[in-house]
């Protein structure tokens, strides 16, 4: 009997460690300049799901902490997360990536604060290259010692309510439009 020849399998070129079959290449981006860097962390293998990515629940917990930093600065006291208004996982996070959490207060109400959080990943072998992996919007409520909602002091609410430098409030834009049209503001 003649021995059968061994079959040789061709190997495909490997993809970058964070790209899976059918997944588009990473979009590199710059870090935001209009938000505060509130946290940095490196996820570890113990934080992985069955696919080898970082578990989404772990990322959500970190986003909640990052959002709370800006809410605490506004409330200047106890608070609780009351809503996750939006949460988008844009790309998988891998163990060993350096995650940077940027946050900004979007709105301050009577008892609540709405905060946006963006998460950027930087790989050890591609330092200085960032990709946005997650974005979220959360709402926190100021609470008293008994855990009941309490009013946010006006002084705490005003910095978050003020427009960015160079931007006018709706009221000042309307006044400028009225002045330009020659109409009287009543």
N, C-alpha and C. Protein backbone atom coordinates (compact mmCIF):
# COMPACT_ATOMS: atom_id res chain seq x y z
N UNK A 1 0.84 -1.16 0.00
CA UNK A 1 0.00 0.00 0.00
C UNK A 1 0.89 1.24 0.00
N UNK A 2 0.49 2.16 -0.81
CA UNK A 2 1.24 3.40 -0.98
C UNK A 2 0.82 4.41 0.09
N UNK A 3 1.78 5.04 0.80
CA UNK A 3 1.39 6.00 1.83
C UNK A 3 0.75 7.25 1.21
N UNK A 4 -0.24 7.78 1.89
CA UNK A 4 -0.90 8.99 1.39
C UNK A 4 -0.06 10.21 1.77
N UNK A 5 0.09 11.12 0.83
CA UNK A 5 0.89 12.32 1.14
C UNK A 5 0.18 13.19 2.16
N UNK A 6 0.96 13.88 2.97
CA UNK A 6 0.39 14.80 3.96
C UNK A 6 -0.17 16.01 3.25
N UNK A 7 -1.26 16.49 3.75
CA UNK A 7 -1.84 17.70 3.19
C UNK A 7 -1.26 18.90 3.91
N UNK A 8 -0.88 19.88 3.14
CA UNK A 8 -0.35 21.11 3.71
C UNK A 8 -1.42 22.17 3.60
N UNK A 9 -1.76 22.77 4.70
CA UNK A 9 -2.77 23.83 4.71
C UNK A 9 -2.08 25.17 4.60
N UNK A 10 -2.60 25.98 3.72
CA UNK A 10 -2.05 27.33 3.62
C UNK A 10 -2.52 28.14 4.82
N UNK A 11 -1.64 28.97 5.31
CA UNK A 11 -2.04 29.86 6.40
C UNK A 11 -2.37 31.22 5.82
N UNK A 12 -3.40 31.80 6.33
CA UNK A 12 -3.79 33.14 5.91
C UNK A 12 -2.97 34.16 6.67
N UNK A 13 -2.74 35.33 6.06
CA UNK A 13 -2.07 36.37 6.83
C UNK A 13 -2.92 36.74 8.04
N UNK A 14 -2.29 36.90 9.16
CA UNK A 14 -3.05 37.20 10.37
C UNK A 14 -3.52 38.65 10.38
N UNK A 15 -4.68 38.84 11.01
CA UNK A 15 -5.24 40.19 11.18
C UNK A 15 -4.64 40.79 12.44
N UNK A 16 -4.71 42.11 12.55
CA UNK A 16 -4.30 42.72 13.83
C UNK A 16 -5.10 42.10 14.97
N UNK A 17 -4.55 42.07 16.16
CA UNK A 17 -5.17 41.35 17.27
C UNK A 17 -6.56 41.84 17.63
N UNK A 18 -6.91 43.05 17.26
CA UNK A 18 -8.23 43.56 17.62
C UNK A 18 -9.22 43.50 16.47
N UNK A 19 -8.81 42.97 15.33
CA UNK A 19 -9.72 42.91 14.19
C UNK A 19 -10.15 41.47 13.98
N UNK A 20 -11.44 41.25 13.87
CA UNK A 20 -11.98 39.92 13.65
C UNK A 20 -12.47 39.81 12.22
N UNK A 21 -12.74 38.59 11.82
CA UNK A 21 -13.26 38.36 10.48
C UNK A 21 -14.53 39.18 10.27
N UNK A 22 -14.61 39.87 9.16
CA UNK A 22 -15.80 40.66 8.85
C UNK A 22 -15.83 42.02 9.52
N UNK A 23 -14.85 42.32 10.33
CA UNK A 23 -14.84 43.60 11.04
C UNK A 23 -14.03 44.61 10.24
N UNK A 24 -14.51 45.85 10.20
CA UNK A 24 -13.79 46.86 9.45
C UNK A 24 -12.55 47.31 10.22
N UNK A 25 -11.62 47.89 9.49
CA UNK A 25 -10.39 48.37 10.12
C UNK A 25 -10.71 49.49 11.09
N UNK A 26 -9.84 49.69 12.04
CA UNK A 26 -10.05 50.69 13.09
C UNK A 26 -9.99 52.10 12.55
N UNK A 27 -10.84 52.93 13.10
CA UNK A 27 -10.82 54.34 12.77
C UNK A 27 -10.02 55.05 13.84
N UNK A 28 -8.89 55.60 13.44
CA UNK A 28 -8.07 56.34 14.39
C UNK A 28 -8.63 57.73 14.54
N UNK A 29 -8.50 58.27 15.72
CA UNK A 29 -9.08 59.57 16.01
C UNK A 29 -8.19 60.34 16.97
N UNK A 30 -8.50 61.61 17.13
CA UNK A 30 -7.80 62.43 18.11
C UNK A 30 -8.64 62.47 19.39
N UNK A 31 -7.97 62.70 20.49
CA UNK A 31 -8.68 62.78 21.76
C UNK A 31 -9.43 64.10 21.84
N UNK A 32 -10.59 64.10 22.50
CA UNK A 32 -11.40 65.33 22.58
C UNK A 32 -10.72 66.42 23.41
N UNK A 33 -10.86 67.64 22.95
CA UNK A 33 -10.28 68.78 23.68
C UNK A 33 -11.34 69.52 24.49
N UNK A 34 -12.62 69.21 24.27
CA UNK A 34 -13.71 69.90 24.96
C UNK A 34 -14.26 69.11 26.14
N UNK A 35 -13.56 68.04 26.54
CA UNK A 35 -13.99 67.21 27.65
C UNK A 35 -12.83 67.01 28.62
N UNK A 36 -13.16 66.58 29.83
CA UNK A 36 -12.12 66.33 30.84
C UNK A 36 -11.71 64.86 30.83
N UNK A 37 -10.41 64.60 30.90
CA UNK A 37 -9.92 63.25 31.11
C UNK A 37 -10.14 62.94 32.58
N UNK A 38 -11.02 62.00 32.88
CA UNK A 38 -11.37 61.73 34.27
C UNK A 38 -10.84 60.41 34.79
N UNK A 39 -10.38 59.53 33.87
CA UNK A 39 -9.94 58.22 34.34
C UNK A 39 -9.13 57.51 33.25
N UNK A 40 -8.15 56.73 33.68
CA UNK A 40 -7.40 55.85 32.78
C UNK A 40 -7.25 54.51 33.47
N UNK A 41 -7.38 53.43 32.68
CA UNK A 41 -7.28 52.09 33.25
C UNK A 41 -6.85 51.10 32.16
N UNK A 42 -6.18 50.04 32.59
CA UNK A 42 -5.80 48.96 31.68
C UNK A 42 -6.60 47.72 32.05
N UNK A 43 -7.50 47.26 31.19
CA UNK A 43 -8.24 46.03 31.49
C UNK A 43 -7.32 44.81 31.43
N UNK A 44 -7.60 43.85 32.26
CA UNK A 44 -6.77 42.66 32.39
C UNK A 44 -7.50 41.42 31.86
N UNK A 45 -6.78 40.31 31.65
CA UNK A 45 -7.43 39.09 31.13
C UNK A 45 -8.60 38.60 31.98
N UNK A 46 -8.57 38.85 33.27
CA UNK A 46 -9.68 38.42 34.14
C UNK A 46 -10.99 39.14 33.79
N UNK A 47 -10.89 40.25 33.02
CA UNK A 47 -12.07 41.04 32.66
C UNK A 47 -12.66 40.62 31.31
N UNK A 48 -12.19 39.50 30.74
CA UNK A 48 -12.61 39.06 29.40
C UNK A 48 -13.91 38.25 29.41
N UNK A 49 -14.58 38.30 28.26
CA UNK A 49 -15.73 37.43 28.03
C UNK A 49 -15.25 36.17 27.31
N UNK A 50 -16.18 35.30 26.88
CA UNK A 50 -15.80 34.05 26.23
C UNK A 50 -15.14 34.25 24.86
N UNK A 51 -15.30 35.43 24.27
CA UNK A 51 -14.71 35.71 22.97
C UNK A 51 -13.29 36.26 23.07
N UNK A 52 -12.82 36.53 24.28
CA UNK A 52 -11.48 37.07 24.46
C UNK A 52 -11.44 38.59 24.50
N UNK A 53 -12.59 39.23 24.32
CA UNK A 53 -12.68 40.69 24.44
C UNK A 53 -12.97 41.02 25.90
N UNK A 54 -12.82 42.30 26.21
CA UNK A 54 -13.19 42.74 27.55
C UNK A 54 -14.72 42.72 27.65
N UNK A 55 -15.22 42.17 28.73
CA UNK A 55 -16.66 42.03 28.97
C UNK A 55 -17.34 43.39 28.97
N UNK A 56 -18.43 43.52 28.23
CA UNK A 56 -19.15 44.79 28.12
C UNK A 56 -19.62 45.33 29.45
N UNK A 57 -20.00 44.46 30.37
CA UNK A 57 -20.44 44.90 31.69
C UNK A 57 -19.32 45.57 32.47
N UNK A 58 -18.09 45.10 32.27
CA UNK A 58 -16.93 45.73 32.91
C UNK A 58 -16.74 47.14 32.38
N UNK A 59 -16.87 47.28 31.06
CA UNK A 59 -16.73 48.60 30.44
C UNK A 59 -17.83 49.53 30.96
N UNK A 60 -19.06 49.01 31.06
CA UNK A 60 -20.18 49.83 31.55
C UNK A 60 -19.92 50.33 32.98
N UNK A 61 -19.37 49.47 33.82
CA UNK A 61 -19.08 49.88 35.20
C UNK A 61 -18.05 51.00 35.24
N UNK A 62 -17.03 50.90 34.38
CA UNK A 62 -16.00 51.95 34.34
C UNK A 62 -16.59 53.26 33.80
N UNK A 63 -17.46 53.17 32.81
CA UNK A 63 -18.11 54.37 32.26
C UNK A 63 -18.96 55.04 33.33
N UNK A 64 -19.66 54.25 34.13
CA UNK A 64 -20.48 54.80 35.21
C UNK A 64 -19.60 55.57 36.20
N UNK A 65 -18.45 55.02 36.54
CA UNK A 65 -17.53 55.71 37.45
C UNK A 65 -17.00 57.01 36.81
N UNK A 66 -16.63 56.94 35.54
CA UNK A 66 -16.10 58.12 34.85
C UNK A 66 -17.15 59.23 34.75
N UNK A 67 -18.39 58.86 34.47
CA UNK A 67 -19.46 59.86 34.41
C UNK A 67 -19.74 60.46 35.77
N UNK A 68 -19.63 59.64 36.79
CA UNK A 68 -19.90 60.12 38.16
C UNK A 68 -18.90 61.18 38.59
N UNK A 69 -17.68 61.14 38.07
CA UNK A 69 -16.68 62.15 38.45
C UNK A 69 -17.19 63.55 38.13
N UNK A 70 -17.69 63.74 36.89
CA UNK A 70 -18.19 65.07 36.50
C UNK A 70 -19.48 65.41 37.25
N UNK A 71 -20.32 64.43 37.48
CA UNK A 71 -21.56 64.68 38.23
C UNK A 71 -21.23 65.09 39.67
N UNK A 72 -20.26 64.43 40.29
CA UNK A 72 -19.85 64.78 41.66
C UNK A 72 -19.33 66.21 41.72
N UNK A 73 -18.56 66.59 40.72
CA UNK A 73 -18.03 67.95 40.70
C UNK A 73 -19.16 68.98 40.61
N UNK A 74 -20.25 68.62 39.98
CA UNK A 74 -21.38 69.53 39.83
C UNK A 74 -22.26 69.53 41.08
N UNK A 75 -22.58 68.34 41.57
CA UNK A 75 -23.49 68.19 42.72
C UNK A 75 -22.79 68.55 44.03
N UNK A 76 -21.51 68.26 44.12
CA UNK A 76 -20.71 68.49 45.34
C UNK A 76 -21.30 67.75 46.54
N UNK A 77 -21.72 66.52 46.30
CA UNK A 77 -22.29 65.70 47.35
C UNK A 77 -22.67 64.33 46.82
N UNK A 78 -23.49 63.63 47.57
CA UNK A 78 -23.92 62.27 47.19
C UNK A 78 -24.75 62.30 45.93
N UNK A 79 -24.65 61.22 45.16
CA UNK A 79 -25.48 61.09 43.96
C UNK A 79 -25.67 59.62 43.64
N UNK A 80 -26.61 59.36 42.75
CA UNK A 80 -26.88 58.00 42.32
C UNK A 80 -27.15 58.01 40.82
N UNK A 81 -26.74 56.95 40.15
CA UNK A 81 -27.04 56.79 38.72
C UNK A 81 -28.51 56.42 38.60
N UNK A 82 -29.27 57.18 37.81
CA UNK A 82 -30.68 56.87 37.65
C UNK A 82 -31.02 56.39 36.24
N UNK A 83 -30.16 56.68 35.25
CA UNK A 83 -30.46 56.24 33.89
C UNK A 83 -29.20 56.14 33.05
N UNK A 84 -29.19 55.14 32.21
CA UNK A 84 -28.22 55.05 31.13
C UNK A 84 -29.03 55.37 29.88
N UNK A 85 -28.92 56.62 29.42
CA UNK A 85 -29.75 57.09 28.32
C UNK A 85 -29.29 56.57 26.96
N UNK A 86 -27.97 56.36 26.84
CA UNK A 86 -27.40 55.85 25.59
C UNK A 86 -26.11 55.13 25.94
N UNK A 87 -25.87 54.00 25.27
CA UNK A 87 -24.62 53.29 25.45
C UNK A 87 -24.31 52.56 24.17
N UNK A 88 -23.19 52.93 23.53
CA UNK A 88 -22.82 52.34 22.25
C UNK A 88 -21.42 51.76 22.35
N UNK A 89 -21.31 50.45 22.07
CA UNK A 89 -20.01 49.81 21.96
C UNK A 89 -19.61 49.90 20.49
N UNK A 90 -18.62 50.71 20.18
CA UNK A 90 -18.23 50.94 18.79
C UNK A 90 -17.23 49.90 18.29
N UNK A 91 -16.31 49.50 19.15
CA UNK A 91 -15.29 48.50 18.80
C UNK A 91 -14.96 47.70 20.04
N UNK A 92 -14.47 46.46 19.86
CA UNK A 92 -14.11 45.67 21.03
C UNK A 92 -12.89 46.23 21.74
N UNK A 93 -12.83 45.99 23.03
CA UNK A 93 -11.69 46.37 23.85
C UNK A 93 -10.93 45.09 24.17
N UNK A 94 -9.62 45.14 24.06
CA UNK A 94 -8.79 43.96 24.29
C UNK A 94 -8.01 44.11 25.60
N UNK A 95 -7.65 42.99 26.23
CA UNK A 95 -6.83 43.07 27.43
C UNK A 95 -5.51 43.77 27.12
N UNK A 96 -5.06 44.61 28.02
CA UNK A 96 -3.80 45.31 27.84
C UNK A 96 -3.91 46.65 27.15
N UNK A 97 -5.08 46.97 26.56
CA UNK A 97 -5.28 48.30 25.97
C UNK A 97 -5.34 49.33 27.10
N UNK A 98 -4.82 50.51 26.84
CA UNK A 98 -4.95 51.60 27.80
C UNK A 98 -6.21 52.38 27.43
N UNK A 99 -7.18 52.39 28.34
CA UNK A 99 -8.45 53.09 28.09
C UNK A 99 -8.42 54.45 28.76
N UNK A 100 -8.82 55.47 28.00
CA UNK A 100 -8.93 56.84 28.52
C UNK A 100 -10.39 57.24 28.47
N UNK A 101 -10.91 57.71 29.60
CA UNK A 101 -12.32 58.07 29.73
C UNK A 101 -12.43 59.60 29.79
N UNK A 102 -13.14 60.17 28.83
CA UNK A 102 -13.36 61.61 28.77
C UNK A 102 -14.82 61.87 29.06
N UNK A 103 -15.09 62.91 29.84
CA UNK A 103 -16.46 63.17 30.28
C UNK A 103 -16.77 64.65 30.24
N UNK A 104 -18.07 64.94 30.08
CA UNK A 104 -18.52 66.33 30.03
C UNK A 104 -19.96 66.39 30.53
N UNK A 105 -20.26 67.43 31.34
CA UNK A 105 -21.64 67.66 31.79
C UNK A 105 -22.42 68.24 30.62
N UNK A 106 -23.53 67.60 30.29
CA UNK A 106 -24.38 68.05 29.18
C UNK A 106 -25.52 68.94 29.64
N UNK A 107 -26.10 68.60 30.81
CA UNK A 107 -27.26 69.36 31.31
C UNK A 107 -27.35 69.22 32.82
N UNK A 108 -27.72 70.31 33.48
CA UNK A 108 -27.97 70.29 34.91
C UNK A 108 -29.41 70.69 35.14
N UNK A 109 -30.18 69.81 35.78
CA UNK A 109 -31.56 70.11 36.11
C UNK A 109 -31.69 70.50 37.57
N UNK A 110 -32.92 70.43 38.09
CA UNK A 110 -33.14 70.79 39.49
C UNK A 110 -32.47 69.80 40.44
N UNK A 111 -32.60 68.48 40.13
CA UNK A 111 -32.00 67.46 40.98
C UNK A 111 -31.07 66.52 40.21
N UNK A 112 -31.02 66.64 38.88
CA UNK A 112 -30.26 65.68 38.09
C UNK A 112 -29.19 66.34 37.22
N UNK A 113 -28.23 65.50 36.85
CA UNK A 113 -27.12 65.93 35.99
C UNK A 113 -26.99 64.90 34.87
N UNK A 114 -26.95 65.35 33.63
CA UNK A 114 -26.75 64.48 32.48
C UNK A 114 -25.31 64.63 32.01
N UNK A 115 -24.62 63.50 31.84
CA UNK A 115 -23.19 63.50 31.53
C UNK A 115 -22.93 62.62 30.31
N UNK A 116 -22.05 63.07 29.42
CA UNK A 116 -21.62 62.22 28.31
C UNK A 116 -20.22 61.70 28.61
N UNK A 117 -19.95 60.47 28.18
CA UNK A 117 -18.65 59.84 28.39
C UNK A 117 -18.22 59.21 27.06
N UNK A 118 -16.97 59.45 26.69
CA UNK A 118 -16.38 58.80 25.52
C UNK A 118 -15.14 58.05 25.98
N UNK A 119 -14.97 56.83 25.46
CA UNK A 119 -13.84 55.99 25.85
C UNK A 119 -12.96 55.76 24.62
N UNK A 120 -11.67 55.99 24.80
CA UNK A 120 -10.70 55.82 23.72
C UNK A 120 -9.68 54.77 24.14
N UNK A 121 -9.28 53.94 23.19
CA UNK A 121 -8.33 52.87 23.44
C UNK A 121 -7.00 53.17 22.76
N UNK A 122 -5.94 52.85 23.46
CA UNK A 122 -4.59 53.00 22.93
C UNK A 122 -3.87 51.68 23.18
N UNK A 123 -3.30 51.09 22.13
CA UNK A 123 -2.60 49.82 22.27
C UNK A 123 -1.13 50.07 22.57
N UNK A 124 -0.54 49.17 23.32
CA UNK A 124 0.86 49.30 23.71
C UNK A 124 1.77 49.43 22.49
N UNK A 125 1.51 48.62 21.45
CA UNK A 125 2.38 48.64 20.27
C UNK A 125 2.02 49.77 19.29
N UNK A 126 0.96 50.51 19.55
CA UNK A 126 0.58 51.65 18.70
C UNK A 126 0.35 52.87 19.58
N UNK A 127 1.30 53.20 20.42
CA UNK A 127 1.13 54.32 21.34
C UNK A 127 0.94 55.61 20.56
N UNK A 128 0.02 56.43 21.05
CA UNK A 128 -0.29 57.71 20.40
C UNK A 128 -1.37 57.59 19.35
N UNK A 129 -1.83 56.37 19.06
CA UNK A 129 -2.93 56.15 18.12
C UNK A 129 -4.15 55.75 18.94
N UNK A 130 -5.23 56.51 18.80
CA UNK A 130 -6.42 56.30 19.61
C UNK A 130 -7.58 55.91 18.73
N UNK A 131 -8.43 55.06 19.26
CA UNK A 131 -9.69 54.73 18.59
C UNK A 131 -10.81 54.80 19.61
N UNK A 132 -11.90 55.39 19.17
CA UNK A 132 -13.07 55.53 20.06
C UNK A 132 -13.77 54.18 20.12
N UNK A 133 -13.86 53.62 21.33
CA UNK A 133 -14.44 52.30 21.48
C UNK A 133 -15.83 52.30 22.10
N UNK A 134 -16.16 53.34 22.84
CA UNK A 134 -17.46 53.40 23.51
C UNK A 134 -17.88 54.85 23.69
N UNK A 135 -19.18 55.08 23.62
CA UNK A 135 -19.74 56.39 23.98
C UNK A 135 -21.03 56.14 24.74
N UNK A 136 -21.29 57.02 25.70
CA UNK A 136 -22.47 56.84 26.55
C UNK A 136 -22.97 58.18 27.06
N UNK A 137 -24.23 58.18 27.47
CA UNK A 137 -24.84 59.33 28.12
C UNK A 137 -25.61 58.80 29.32
N UNK A 138 -25.29 59.33 30.50
CA UNK A 138 -25.90 58.85 31.74
C UNK A 138 -26.51 60.01 32.51
N UNK A 139 -27.47 59.70 33.35
CA UNK A 139 -28.10 60.71 34.21
C UNK A 139 -27.93 60.29 35.66
N UNK A 140 -27.49 61.25 36.46
CA UNK A 140 -27.29 61.06 37.90
C UNK A 140 -28.23 61.99 38.63
N UNK A 141 -28.64 61.60 39.84
CA UNK A 141 -29.48 62.47 40.66
C UNK A 141 -28.78 62.74 41.99
N UNK A 142 -28.84 63.99 42.42
CA UNK A 142 -28.29 64.37 43.72
C UNK A 142 -29.19 63.78 44.81
N UNK A 143 -28.57 63.20 45.85
CA UNK A 143 -29.37 62.60 46.92
C UNK A 143 -28.87 63.08 48.28
N UNK A 144 -29.79 63.05 49.25
CA UNK A 144 -29.42 63.43 50.62
C UNK A 144 -28.94 62.18 51.37
N UNK A 145 -28.71 62.32 52.68
CA UNK A 145 -28.19 61.20 53.47
C UNK A 145 -29.16 60.03 53.56
N UNK A 146 -30.44 60.29 53.32
CA UNK A 146 -31.44 59.22 53.35
C UNK A 146 -31.67 58.61 51.97
N UNK A 147 -30.92 59.09 50.96
CA UNK A 147 -31.06 58.55 49.61
C UNK A 147 -32.20 59.16 48.82
N UNK A 148 -32.77 60.25 49.31
CA UNK A 148 -33.88 60.93 48.62
C UNK A 148 -33.31 62.04 47.73
N UNK A 149 -33.94 62.29 46.56
CA UNK A 149 -33.46 63.36 45.67
C UNK A 149 -33.44 64.71 46.39
N UNK A 150 -32.41 65.50 46.11
CA UNK A 150 -32.32 66.84 46.68
C UNK A 150 -31.93 67.81 45.57
N UNK A 151 -32.22 69.08 45.79
CA UNK A 151 -31.92 70.11 44.79
C UNK A 151 -30.41 70.33 44.68
N UNK A 152 -30.00 70.62 43.45
CA UNK A 152 -28.59 70.95 43.20
C UNK A 152 -28.44 72.44 43.44
N UNK A 153 -27.47 72.86 44.25
CA UNK A 153 -27.29 74.30 44.50
C UNK A 153 -27.07 75.06 43.18
N UNK A 154 -27.66 76.24 43.09
CA UNK A 154 -27.55 77.06 41.87
C UNK A 154 -26.09 77.33 41.52
N UNK A 155 -25.25 77.59 42.52
CA UNK A 155 -23.83 77.87 42.26
C UNK A 155 -23.16 76.68 41.59
N UNK A 156 -23.55 75.46 41.96
CA UNK A 156 -22.97 74.27 41.35
C UNK A 156 -23.48 74.07 39.93
N UNK A 157 -24.71 74.47 39.67
CA UNK A 157 -25.31 74.25 38.36
C UNK A 157 -24.83 75.26 37.32
N UNK A 158 -24.49 76.47 37.73
CA UNK A 158 -24.18 77.51 36.76
C UNK A 158 -22.96 77.26 35.88
N UNK A 159 -21.81 76.73 36.38
CA UNK A 159 -20.68 76.51 35.48
C UNK A 159 -21.00 75.52 34.36
N UNK A 160 -21.74 74.47 34.68
CA UNK A 160 -22.08 73.48 33.66
C UNK A 160 -23.09 74.04 32.67
N UNK A 161 -23.90 75.00 33.08
CA UNK A 161 -24.91 75.57 32.22
C UNK A 161 -24.34 76.62 31.28
N UNK A 162 -23.21 77.23 31.65
CA UNK A 162 -22.66 78.30 30.83
C UNK A 162 -22.16 77.75 29.51
N UNK A 163 -22.32 78.51 28.40
CA UNK A 163 -21.90 78.01 27.11
C UNK A 163 -20.38 77.97 27.00
N UNK A 164 -19.89 77.18 26.06
CA UNK A 164 -18.46 77.11 25.81
C UNK A 164 -17.97 78.46 25.33
N UNK A 165 -16.68 78.77 25.54
CA UNK A 165 -16.17 80.06 25.08
C UNK A 165 -16.45 80.27 23.58
N UNK A 166 -16.94 81.46 23.25
CA UNK A 166 -17.26 81.76 21.86
C UNK A 166 -18.66 81.38 21.44
N UNK A 167 -19.39 80.65 22.30
CA UNK A 167 -20.76 80.26 21.97
C UNK A 167 -21.73 81.10 22.78
N UNK A 168 -22.83 81.50 22.14
CA UNK A 168 -23.83 82.31 22.82
C UNK A 168 -24.98 81.43 23.29
N UNK A 169 -25.64 81.87 24.35
CA UNK A 169 -26.83 81.18 24.82
C UNK A 169 -27.97 81.48 23.86
N UNK A 170 -29.04 80.69 23.94
CA UNK A 170 -30.20 80.91 23.09
C UNK A 170 -30.76 82.31 23.29
N UNK A 171 -30.82 82.76 24.54
CA UNK A 171 -31.34 84.09 24.84
C UNK A 171 -30.48 85.19 24.20
N UNK A 172 -29.14 85.06 24.29
CA UNK A 172 -28.27 86.09 23.71
C UNK A 172 -28.28 86.03 22.18
N UNK A 173 -28.47 84.82 21.60
CA UNK A 173 -28.58 84.72 20.14
C UNK A 173 -29.83 85.42 19.65
N UNK A 174 -30.95 85.23 20.38
CA UNK A 174 -32.21 85.89 19.99
C UNK A 174 -32.09 87.40 20.10
N UNK A 175 -31.43 87.87 21.15
CA UNK A 175 -31.24 89.31 21.32
C UNK A 175 -30.40 89.87 20.18
N UNK A 176 -29.35 89.12 19.77
CA UNK A 176 -28.51 89.57 18.66
C UNK A 176 -29.30 89.59 17.35
N UNK A 177 -30.16 88.59 17.13
CA UNK A 177 -30.98 88.55 15.91
C UNK A 177 -31.96 89.72 15.88
N UNK A 178 -32.57 89.99 17.04
CA UNK A 178 -33.51 91.11 17.12
C UNK A 178 -32.80 92.42 16.83
N UNK A 179 -31.62 92.60 17.43
CA UNK A 179 -30.87 93.83 17.23
C UNK A 179 -30.48 94.00 15.76
N UNK A 180 -30.10 92.89 15.11
CA UNK A 180 -29.70 92.95 13.70
C UNK A 180 -30.88 93.27 12.80
N UNK A 181 -32.06 92.80 13.19
CA UNK A 181 -33.24 93.05 12.35
C UNK A 181 -33.88 94.43 12.63
N UNK A 182 -33.44 95.06 13.70
CA UNK A 182 -33.99 96.39 14.05
C UNK A 182 -35.27 96.30 14.85
N UNK A 183 -35.71 95.09 15.22
CA UNK A 183 -36.94 94.94 16.00
C UNK A 183 -36.65 95.22 17.48
N UNK A 184 -37.68 95.59 18.19
CA UNK A 184 -37.49 95.86 19.63
C UNK A 184 -37.78 94.58 20.40
N UNK A 185 -37.03 94.31 21.47
CA UNK A 185 -37.17 93.07 22.23
C UNK A 185 -38.42 92.99 23.10
N UNK A 186 -39.24 93.98 23.18
CA UNK A 186 -40.45 94.03 24.02
C UNK A 186 -40.08 94.17 25.45
